[in-house]
Amino acid sequence: MTATLEDIAARLAALEDKEAIRALKARYLRACDLKQVEDVRDCFATGPIRIAYENFPEFTDRDAFIAIYEQMACNGGVYDLHHATNWEIALTGADSATGKWSLNFRTILTGPRQIVRLAVEYDDVYARRDGRWWIVETVSHVTSMITEQVAEDGSITVMALAEPPAA
């Protein structure tokens, strides 16, 4: 079967859309790590959105989320690392898509001398507006975690260890 020029163009457009969404998610996570508040804000669409991260309040606009992000993450002594993998992106319309991501998250809190590591699953919804992709919904679920206390002598004590819920 021979592919038509239109088929090839459609397949190329789908690949470009998926790559733009991957770049958007990477930009968001990197901006979170580097405390680039305006870049974090600029990953989310204006207007009504949904941000529902487990163990946090649910947000329906980006500015409310940014206010909490700044309070929690943009202080001295908070060092985060977000690594997303295992992505699955599905184009659901000409200007809509969904995404699934696995996240390896770590935060180092120098004040209380703690390290928190989480495995997280994201379910996202994206929309293209004015020629670019935006996050319009993101929901996360923690699948495992460990919290460690680092003593003055460098020894580590596990404070919390949680396994994923049984299936």
N, C-alpha and C. Protein backbone atom coordinates (compact mmCIF):
# COMPACT_ATOMS: atom_id res chain seq x y z
N MET A 1 0.85 -1.18 0.00
CA MET A 1 0.00 0.00 0.00
C MET A 1 0.89 1.24 0.00
N THR A 2 0.60 2.13 -0.87
CA THR A 2 1.38 3.35 -1.02
C THR A 2 0.73 4.47 -0.21
N ALA A 3 1.55 5.14 0.57
CA ALA A 3 1.05 6.27 1.35
C ALA A 3 0.95 7.49 0.45
N THR A 4 -0.12 8.23 0.62
CA THR A 4 -0.28 9.46 -0.15
C THR A 4 0.48 10.59 0.54
N LEU A 5 0.68 11.63 -0.18
CA LEU A 5 1.32 12.81 0.39
C LEU A 5 0.50 13.35 1.56
N GLU A 6 -0.82 13.27 1.46
CA GLU A 6 -1.69 13.73 2.55
C GLU A 6 -1.53 12.85 3.79
N ASP A 7 -1.40 11.53 3.58
CA ASP A 7 -1.18 10.61 4.71
C ASP A 7 0.14 10.92 5.41
N ILE A 8 1.17 11.12 4.63
CA ILE A 8 2.49 11.43 5.21
C ILE A 8 2.46 12.76 5.94
N ALA A 9 1.78 13.75 5.37
CA ALA A 9 1.67 15.06 6.02
C ALA A 9 0.91 14.94 7.34
N ALA A 10 -0.15 14.13 7.37
CA ALA A 10 -0.92 13.95 8.61
C ALA A 10 -0.07 13.24 9.66
N ARG A 11 0.67 12.22 9.26
CA ARG A 11 1.53 11.50 10.21
C ARG A 11 2.63 12.41 10.75
N LEU A 12 3.21 13.23 9.89
CA LEU A 12 4.24 14.17 10.32
C LEU A 12 3.66 15.21 11.29
N ALA A 13 2.47 15.71 10.99
CA ALA A 13 1.83 16.69 11.89
C ALA A 13 1.57 16.06 13.25
N ALA A 14 1.13 14.79 13.28
CA ALA A 14 0.89 14.11 14.56
C ALA A 14 2.19 13.97 15.35
N LEU A 15 3.26 13.60 14.68
CA LEU A 15 4.56 13.50 15.36
C LEU A 15 5.00 14.86 15.90
N GLU A 16 4.82 15.90 15.13
CA GLU A 16 5.20 17.24 15.59
C GLU A 16 4.35 17.68 16.78
N ASP A 17 3.07 17.37 16.76
CA ASP A 17 2.21 17.72 17.90
C ASP A 17 2.65 16.98 19.15
N LYS A 18 2.92 15.68 19.03
CA LYS A 18 3.36 14.91 20.19
C LYS A 18 4.70 15.44 20.71
N GLU A 19 5.59 15.80 19.84
CA GLU A 19 6.88 16.35 20.28
C GLU A 19 6.69 17.70 20.98
N ALA A 20 5.77 18.52 20.48
CA ALA A 20 5.50 19.81 21.13
C ALA A 20 4.94 19.59 22.53
N ILE A 21 4.11 18.58 22.71
CA ILE A 21 3.55 18.28 24.03
C ILE A 21 4.65 17.74 24.95
N ARG A 22 5.51 16.87 24.44
CA ARG A 22 6.64 16.38 25.25
C ARG A 22 7.52 17.54 25.70
N ALA A 23 7.78 18.47 24.79
CA ALA A 23 8.61 19.63 25.13
C ALA A 23 7.91 20.51 26.17
N LEU A 24 6.58 20.65 26.07
CA LEU A 24 5.82 21.42 27.05
C LEU A 24 5.96 20.81 28.44
N LYS A 25 5.79 19.50 28.55
CA LYS A 25 5.90 18.83 29.85
C LYS A 25 7.32 18.97 30.40
N ALA A 26 8.32 18.80 29.55
CA ALA A 26 9.71 18.95 29.98
C ALA A 26 9.98 20.38 30.46
N ARG A 27 9.45 21.35 29.73
CA ARG A 27 9.63 22.75 30.12
C ARG A 27 9.00 23.03 31.48
N TYR A 28 7.80 22.48 31.71
CA TYR A 28 7.12 22.65 32.99
C TYR A 28 7.95 22.05 34.13
N LEU A 29 8.39 20.82 33.97
CA LEU A 29 9.13 20.15 35.05
C LEU A 29 10.47 20.83 35.31
N ARG A 30 11.16 21.22 34.26
CA ARG A 30 12.43 21.92 34.43
C ARG A 30 12.22 23.26 35.13
N ALA A 31 11.18 23.98 34.74
CA ALA A 31 10.88 25.27 35.37
C ALA A 31 10.56 25.08 36.85
N CYS A 32 9.85 24.00 37.19
CA CYS A 32 9.59 23.70 38.60
C CYS A 32 10.90 23.51 39.36
N ASP A 33 11.81 22.73 38.80
CA ASP A 33 13.09 22.47 39.46
C ASP A 33 13.93 23.73 39.62
N LEU A 34 13.91 24.58 38.61
CA LEU A 34 14.75 25.78 38.62
C LEU A 34 14.06 26.99 39.25
N LYS A 35 12.84 26.79 39.75
CA LYS A 35 12.07 27.85 40.42
C LYS A 35 11.80 29.03 39.49
N GLN A 36 11.54 28.73 38.23
CA GLN A 36 11.23 29.75 37.23
C GLN A 36 9.71 29.93 37.17
N VAL A 37 9.23 30.75 38.07
CA VAL A 37 7.80 30.88 38.34
C VAL A 37 7.01 31.26 37.09
N GLU A 38 7.47 32.23 36.33
CA GLU A 38 6.73 32.65 35.16
C GLU A 38 6.70 31.58 34.08
N ASP A 39 7.76 30.80 33.97
CA ASP A 39 7.76 29.69 33.01
C ASP A 39 6.79 28.60 33.45
N VAL A 40 6.71 28.34 34.75
CA VAL A 40 5.73 27.37 35.26
C VAL A 40 4.32 27.86 34.89
N ARG A 41 4.04 29.12 35.20
CA ARG A 41 2.71 29.69 34.91
C ARG A 41 2.40 29.58 33.42
N ASP A 42 3.38 29.83 32.57
CA ASP A 42 3.17 29.89 31.13
C ASP A 42 2.95 28.51 30.49
N CYS A 43 3.07 27.44 31.25
CA CYS A 43 2.78 26.11 30.72
C CYS A 43 1.29 25.78 30.80
N PHE A 44 0.57 26.49 31.66
CA PHE A 44 -0.85 26.25 31.86
C PHE A 44 -1.67 27.27 31.07
N ALA A 45 -2.78 26.82 30.53
CA ALA A 45 -3.68 27.70 29.79
C ALA A 45 -4.27 28.75 30.73
N THR A 46 -4.62 29.87 30.18
CA THR A 46 -5.38 30.85 30.93
C THR A 46 -6.82 30.36 31.04
N GLY A 47 -7.56 30.94 31.97
CA GLY A 47 -8.95 30.54 32.14
C GLY A 47 -9.07 29.29 32.98
N PRO A 48 -10.24 28.67 32.95
CA PRO A 48 -10.47 27.49 33.80
C PRO A 48 -9.57 26.31 33.40
N ILE A 49 -8.91 25.76 34.38
CA ILE A 49 -8.09 24.56 34.19
C ILE A 49 -8.30 23.67 35.41
N ARG A 50 -7.64 22.54 35.45
CA ARG A 50 -7.72 21.67 36.62
C ARG A 50 -6.33 21.15 36.95
N ILE A 51 -5.89 21.41 38.17
CA ILE A 51 -4.64 20.86 38.70
C ILE A 51 -5.01 20.12 39.97
N ALA A 52 -4.87 18.80 39.94
CA ALA A 52 -5.27 17.96 41.07
C ALA A 52 -4.13 17.01 41.39
N TYR A 53 -3.17 17.53 42.16
CA TYR A 53 -2.04 16.72 42.59
C TYR A 53 -2.37 16.09 43.94
N GLU A 54 -2.15 14.80 44.05
CA GLU A 54 -2.48 14.09 45.28
C GLU A 54 -1.80 14.77 46.48
N ASN A 55 -2.55 14.89 47.55
CA ASN A 55 -2.11 15.50 48.82
C ASN A 55 -1.99 17.02 48.75
N PHE A 56 -2.57 17.64 47.73
CA PHE A 56 -2.62 19.10 47.61
C PHE A 56 -4.07 19.49 47.35
N PRO A 57 -4.42 20.75 47.61
CA PRO A 57 -5.76 21.19 47.23
C PRO A 57 -5.89 21.17 45.70
N GLU A 58 -7.11 21.09 45.22
CA GLU A 58 -7.33 21.15 43.77
C GLU A 58 -7.42 22.60 43.34
N PHE A 59 -6.83 22.91 42.19
CA PHE A 59 -6.80 24.27 41.67
C PHE A 59 -7.58 24.33 40.36
N THR A 60 -8.27 25.45 40.14
CA THR A 60 -9.05 25.63 38.91
C THR A 60 -8.54 26.80 38.08
N ASP A 61 -7.48 27.44 38.51
CA ASP A 61 -6.83 28.45 37.67
C ASP A 61 -5.33 28.46 38.00
N ARG A 62 -4.55 28.86 37.05
CA ARG A 62 -3.09 28.75 37.19
C ARG A 62 -2.52 29.69 38.25
N ASP A 63 -3.11 30.84 38.45
CA ASP A 63 -2.56 31.79 39.41
C ASP A 63 -2.69 31.30 40.85
N ALA A 64 -3.78 30.63 41.17
CA ALA A 64 -3.93 30.06 42.51
C ALA A 64 -2.88 28.98 42.75
N PHE A 65 -2.63 28.15 41.73
CA PHE A 65 -1.60 27.14 41.84
C PHE A 65 -0.22 27.78 42.02
N ILE A 66 0.06 28.79 41.23
CA ILE A 66 1.37 29.45 41.29
C ILE A 66 1.61 30.05 42.68
N ALA A 67 0.59 30.61 43.29
CA ALA A 67 0.75 31.18 44.64
C ALA A 67 1.21 30.12 45.63
N ILE A 68 0.63 28.92 45.58
CA ILE A 68 1.03 27.84 46.49
C ILE A 68 2.41 27.32 46.11
N TYR A 69 2.66 27.17 44.82
CA TYR A 69 3.98 26.73 44.36
C TYR A 69 5.07 27.66 44.89
N GLU A 70 4.87 28.95 44.78
CA GLU A 70 5.87 29.91 45.27
C GLU A 70 6.08 29.76 46.78
N GLN A 71 5.00 29.60 47.54
CA GLN A 71 5.12 29.46 49.00
C GLN A 71 5.89 28.21 49.38
N MET A 72 5.62 27.10 48.70
CA MET A 72 6.20 25.82 49.09
C MET A 72 7.58 25.56 48.51
N ALA A 73 7.80 25.94 47.27
CA ALA A 73 9.00 25.50 46.56
C ALA A 73 10.05 26.58 46.34
N CYS A 74 9.66 27.83 46.43
CA CYS A 74 10.58 28.90 46.05
C CYS A 74 11.22 29.58 47.26
N ASN A 75 11.56 28.78 48.24
CA ASN A 75 12.25 29.26 49.42
C ASN A 75 13.64 28.65 49.43
N GLY A 76 14.56 29.30 50.11
CA GLY A 76 15.88 28.71 50.25
C GLY A 76 15.78 27.36 50.92
N GLY A 77 16.66 26.47 50.54
CA GLY A 77 16.71 25.17 51.19
C GLY A 77 15.75 24.14 50.65
N VAL A 78 15.09 24.42 49.51
CA VAL A 78 14.19 23.46 48.86
C VAL A 78 14.77 23.18 47.47
N TYR A 79 15.20 21.95 47.25
CA TYR A 79 15.82 21.57 45.98
C TYR A 79 15.07 20.37 45.41
N ASP A 80 14.46 20.58 44.25
CA ASP A 80 13.60 19.56 43.65
C ASP A 80 14.22 18.99 42.39
N LEU A 81 13.79 17.78 42.07
CA LEU A 81 14.19 17.11 40.84
C LEU A 81 13.00 16.32 40.33
N HIS A 82 12.49 16.70 39.15
CA HIS A 82 11.37 16.02 38.50
C HIS A 82 11.91 15.36 37.22
N HIS A 83 11.82 14.04 37.13
CA HIS A 83 12.20 13.33 35.91
C HIS A 83 11.00 12.53 35.42
N ALA A 84 10.43 12.93 34.29
CA ALA A 84 9.27 12.24 33.72
C ALA A 84 9.72 11.28 32.62
N THR A 85 9.13 10.09 32.63
CA THR A 85 9.45 9.07 31.64
C THR A 85 8.17 8.34 31.25
N ASN A 86 8.33 7.33 30.42
CA ASN A 86 7.24 6.42 30.05
C ASN A 86 6.02 7.16 29.51
N TRP A 87 6.26 8.17 28.72
CA TRP A 87 5.15 8.99 28.24
C TRP A 87 4.31 8.24 27.21
N GLU A 88 3.02 8.53 27.27
CA GLU A 88 2.05 8.08 26.27
C GLU A 88 1.20 9.28 25.93
N ILE A 89 1.25 9.71 24.70
CA ILE A 89 0.45 10.87 24.26
C ILE A 89 -0.51 10.40 23.19
N ALA A 90 -1.78 10.75 23.35
CA ALA A 90 -2.81 10.41 22.37
C ALA A 90 -3.46 11.71 21.89
N LEU A 91 -3.44 11.91 20.60
CA LEU A 91 -4.14 13.05 20.02
C LEU A 91 -5.61 12.69 19.95
N THR A 92 -6.45 13.48 20.59
CA THR A 92 -7.88 13.16 20.69
C THR A 92 -8.73 14.03 19.78
N GLY A 93 -8.12 14.97 19.12
CA GLY A 93 -8.81 15.87 18.19
C GLY A 93 -7.76 16.75 17.53
N ALA A 94 -8.20 17.64 16.68
CA ALA A 94 -7.25 18.51 15.98
C ALA A 94 -6.47 19.39 16.96
N ASP A 95 -7.10 19.76 18.06
CA ASP A 95 -6.46 20.67 19.02
C ASP A 95 -6.55 20.16 20.45
N SER A 96 -6.63 18.84 20.63
CA SER A 96 -6.72 18.27 21.98
C SER A 96 -5.91 16.98 22.05
N ALA A 97 -5.43 16.69 23.25
CA ALA A 97 -4.62 15.49 23.46
C ALA A 97 -4.66 15.12 24.94
N THR A 98 -4.31 13.87 25.21
CA THR A 98 -4.12 13.40 26.58
C THR A 98 -2.71 12.85 26.70
N GLY A 99 -2.22 12.82 27.94
CA GLY A 99 -0.90 12.28 28.18
C GLY A 99 -0.83 11.55 29.50
N LYS A 100 -0.02 10.53 29.53
CA LYS A 100 0.30 9.80 30.76
C LYS A 100 1.81 9.85 30.92
N TRP A 101 2.24 10.03 32.17
CA TRP A 101 3.67 10.15 32.46
C TRP A 101 3.96 9.47 33.79
N SER A 102 5.12 8.88 33.90
CA SER A 102 5.64 8.41 35.18
C SER A 102 6.67 9.43 35.64
N LEU A 103 6.61 9.79 36.91
CA LEU A 103 7.51 10.80 37.44
C LEU A 103 8.33 10.23 38.58
N ASN A 104 9.64 10.44 38.52
CA ASN A 104 10.55 10.17 39.61
C ASN A 104 10.85 11.54 40.23
N PHE A 105 10.35 11.77 41.44
CA PHE A 105 10.49 13.07 42.09
C PHE A 105 11.33 12.93 43.35
N ARG A 106 12.19 13.92 43.56
CA ARG A 106 12.97 13.98 44.79
C ARG A 106 13.03 15.44 45.22
N THR A 107 12.90 15.65 46.53
CA THR A 107 13.11 16.98 47.07
C THR A 107 14.06 16.86 48.26
N ILE A 108 14.99 17.78 48.31
CA ILE A 108 15.92 17.88 49.43
C ILE A 108 15.53 19.13 50.21
N LEU A 109 15.24 18.96 51.49
CA LEU A 109 14.84 20.06 52.36
C LEU A 109 15.96 20.26 53.38
N THR A 110 16.77 21.28 53.17
CA THR A 110 17.95 21.45 54.02
C THR A 110 17.60 21.90 55.43
N GLY A 111 16.52 22.66 55.60
CA GLY A 111 16.12 23.10 56.94
C GLY A 111 15.86 21.93 57.87
N PRO A 112 14.88 21.09 57.55
CA PRO A 112 14.59 19.94 58.42
C PRO A 112 15.51 18.74 58.15
N ARG A 113 16.42 18.88 57.18
CA ARG A 113 17.39 17.82 56.84
C ARG A 113 16.67 16.55 56.40
N GLN A 114 15.77 16.72 55.43
CA GLN A 114 14.99 15.59 54.94
C GLN A 114 15.13 15.44 53.43
N ILE A 115 14.97 14.21 53.01
CA ILE A 115 14.90 13.89 51.58
C ILE A 115 13.60 13.11 51.38
N VAL A 116 12.81 13.55 50.42
CA VAL A 116 11.56 12.87 50.09
C VAL A 116 11.65 12.42 48.64
N ARG A 117 11.34 11.14 48.42
CA ARG A 117 11.33 10.59 47.07
C ARG A 117 9.95 9.99 46.80
N LEU A 118 9.42 10.34 45.64
CA LEU A 118 8.10 9.86 45.26
C LEU A 118 8.14 9.24 43.87
N ALA A 119 7.34 8.22 43.66
CA ALA A 119 7.00 7.75 42.33
C ALA A 119 5.57 8.23 42.10
N VAL A 120 5.35 8.88 40.97
CA VAL A 120 4.07 9.54 40.72
C VAL A 120 3.61 9.21 39.30
N GLU A 121 2.32 9.04 39.13
CA GLU A 121 1.73 8.88 37.80
C GLU A 121 0.88 10.11 37.50
N TYR A 122 1.10 10.69 36.33
CA TYR A 122 0.34 11.85 35.86
C TYR A 122 -0.63 11.43 34.76
N ASP A 123 -1.81 12.02 34.78
CA ASP A 123 -2.76 11.98 33.67
C ASP A 123 -3.03 13.43 33.30
N ASP A 124 -2.68 13.81 32.08
CA ASP A 124 -2.80 15.20 31.64
C ASP A 124 -3.77 15.32 30.47
N VAL A 125 -4.30 16.53 30.31
CA VAL A 125 -5.09 16.91 29.15
C VAL A 125 -4.46 18.19 28.59
N TYR A 126 -4.33 18.24 27.28
CA TYR A 126 -3.69 19.37 26.61
C TYR A 126 -4.65 19.95 25.58
N ALA A 127 -4.50 21.25 25.34
CA ALA A 127 -5.28 21.92 24.30
C ALA A 127 -4.36 22.84 23.52
N ARG A 128 -4.59 22.89 22.21
CA ARG A 128 -3.85 23.84 21.38
C ARG A 128 -4.73 25.07 21.21
N ARG A 129 -4.14 26.20 21.58
CA ARG A 129 -4.82 27.48 21.42
C ARG A 129 -3.81 28.46 20.84
N ASP A 130 -4.26 29.23 19.90
CA ASP A 130 -3.40 30.23 19.26
C ASP A 130 -2.09 29.61 18.77
N GLY A 131 -2.18 28.39 18.26
CA GLY A 131 -1.02 27.76 17.64
C GLY A 131 -0.04 27.07 18.56
N ARG A 132 -0.32 27.01 19.86
CA ARG A 132 0.60 26.31 20.76
C ARG A 132 -0.17 25.44 21.75
N TRP A 133 0.52 24.46 22.29
CA TRP A 133 -0.08 23.53 23.25
C TRP A 133 0.04 24.06 24.67
N TRP A 134 -0.99 23.79 25.47
CA TRP A 134 -1.07 24.20 26.86
C TRP A 134 -1.54 23.02 27.70
N ILE A 135 -1.17 23.00 28.96
CA ILE A 135 -1.73 22.05 29.91
C ILE A 135 -3.06 22.65 30.39
N VAL A 136 -4.14 21.87 30.26
CA VAL A 136 -5.45 22.34 30.75
C VAL A 136 -5.95 21.49 31.91
N GLU A 137 -5.35 20.31 32.08
CA GLU A 137 -5.69 19.47 33.23
C GLU A 137 -4.51 18.57 33.53
N THR A 138 -4.20 18.45 34.80
CA THR A 138 -3.15 17.53 35.22
C THR A 138 -3.55 16.96 36.58
N VAL A 139 -3.52 15.65 36.64
CA VAL A 139 -3.91 14.91 37.85
C VAL A 139 -2.77 13.96 38.18
N SER A 140 -2.37 13.92 39.45
CA SER A 140 -1.29 13.01 39.83
C SER A 140 -1.72 12.09 40.95
N HIS A 141 -1.09 10.91 40.96
CA HIS A 141 -1.31 9.91 42.00
C HIS A 141 0.05 9.38 42.42
N VAL A 142 0.34 9.43 43.71
CA VAL A 142 1.59 8.89 44.24
C VAL A 142 1.46 7.37 44.31
N THR A 143 2.46 6.68 43.76
CA THR A 143 2.42 5.21 43.79
C THR A 143 3.39 4.62 44.82
N SER A 144 4.39 5.39 45.23
CA SER A 144 5.24 4.97 46.34
C SER A 144 6.02 6.17 46.84
N MET A 145 6.53 6.06 48.07
CA MET A 145 7.28 7.19 48.63
C MET A 145 8.20 6.71 49.73
N ILE A 146 9.23 7.51 49.95
CA ILE A 146 10.12 7.31 51.09
C ILE A 146 10.55 8.69 51.57
N THR A 147 10.53 8.88 52.88
CA THR A 147 11.02 10.11 53.49
C THR A 147 12.16 9.72 54.42
N GLU A 148 13.28 10.41 54.26
CA GLU A 148 14.47 10.11 55.06
C GLU A 148 14.90 11.34 55.85
N GLN A 149 15.38 11.09 57.05
CA GLN A 149 15.94 12.14 57.90
C GLN A 149 17.45 11.98 57.88
N VAL A 150 18.17 13.08 57.64
CA VAL A 150 19.62 13.05 57.61
C VAL A 150 20.13 13.70 58.90
N ALA A 151 20.80 12.90 59.72
CA ALA A 151 21.34 13.40 60.99
C ALA A 151 22.60 14.23 60.74
N GLU A 152 23.00 14.96 61.76
CA GLU A 152 24.21 15.80 61.67
C GLU A 152 25.44 14.98 61.27
N ASP A 153 25.51 13.73 61.71
CA ASP A 153 26.67 12.90 61.38
C ASP A 153 26.55 12.25 60.00
N GLY A 154 25.46 12.54 59.28
CA GLY A 154 25.26 12.00 57.94
C GLY A 154 24.49 10.70 57.90
N SER A 155 24.19 10.14 59.04
CA SER A 155 23.41 8.91 59.04
C SER A 155 21.96 9.21 58.62
N ILE A 156 21.34 8.21 58.03
CA ILE A 156 19.99 8.39 57.48
C ILE A 156 19.02 7.45 58.19
N THR A 157 17.89 8.01 58.57
CA THR A 157 16.81 7.23 59.17
C THR A 157 15.59 7.35 58.28
N VAL A 158 14.98 6.22 57.95
CA VAL A 158 13.75 6.24 57.18
C VAL A 158 12.62 6.63 58.11
N MET A 159 11.92 7.72 57.77
CA MET A 159 10.81 8.21 58.58
C MET A 159 9.47 7.69 58.08
N ALA A 160 9.36 7.52 56.77
CA ALA A 160 8.10 7.05 56.18
C ALA A 160 8.43 6.24 54.95
N LEU A 161 7.68 5.16 54.80
CA LEU A 161 7.85 4.29 53.64
C LEU A 161 6.45 3.83 53.25
N ALA A 162 6.05 4.15 52.04
CA ALA A 162 4.69 3.78 51.61
C ALA A 162 4.76 3.02 50.31
N GLU A 163 4.00 1.94 50.25
CA GLU A 163 3.92 1.13 49.05
C GLU A 163 2.65 1.50 48.30
N PRO A 164 2.61 1.14 47.02
CA PRO A 164 1.38 1.39 46.27
C PRO A 164 0.22 0.59 46.86
N PRO A 165 -0.99 1.10 46.72
CA PRO A 165 -2.14 0.33 47.23
C PRO A 165 -2.27 -0.99 46.48
N ALA A 166 -2.76 -2.00 47.16
CA ALA A 166 -2.94 -3.31 46.53
C ALA A 166 -3.99 -3.21 45.44
N ALA A 167 -3.73 -3.92 44.35
CA ALA A 167 -4.66 -3.88 43.21
C ALA A 167 -5.89 -4.71 43.47
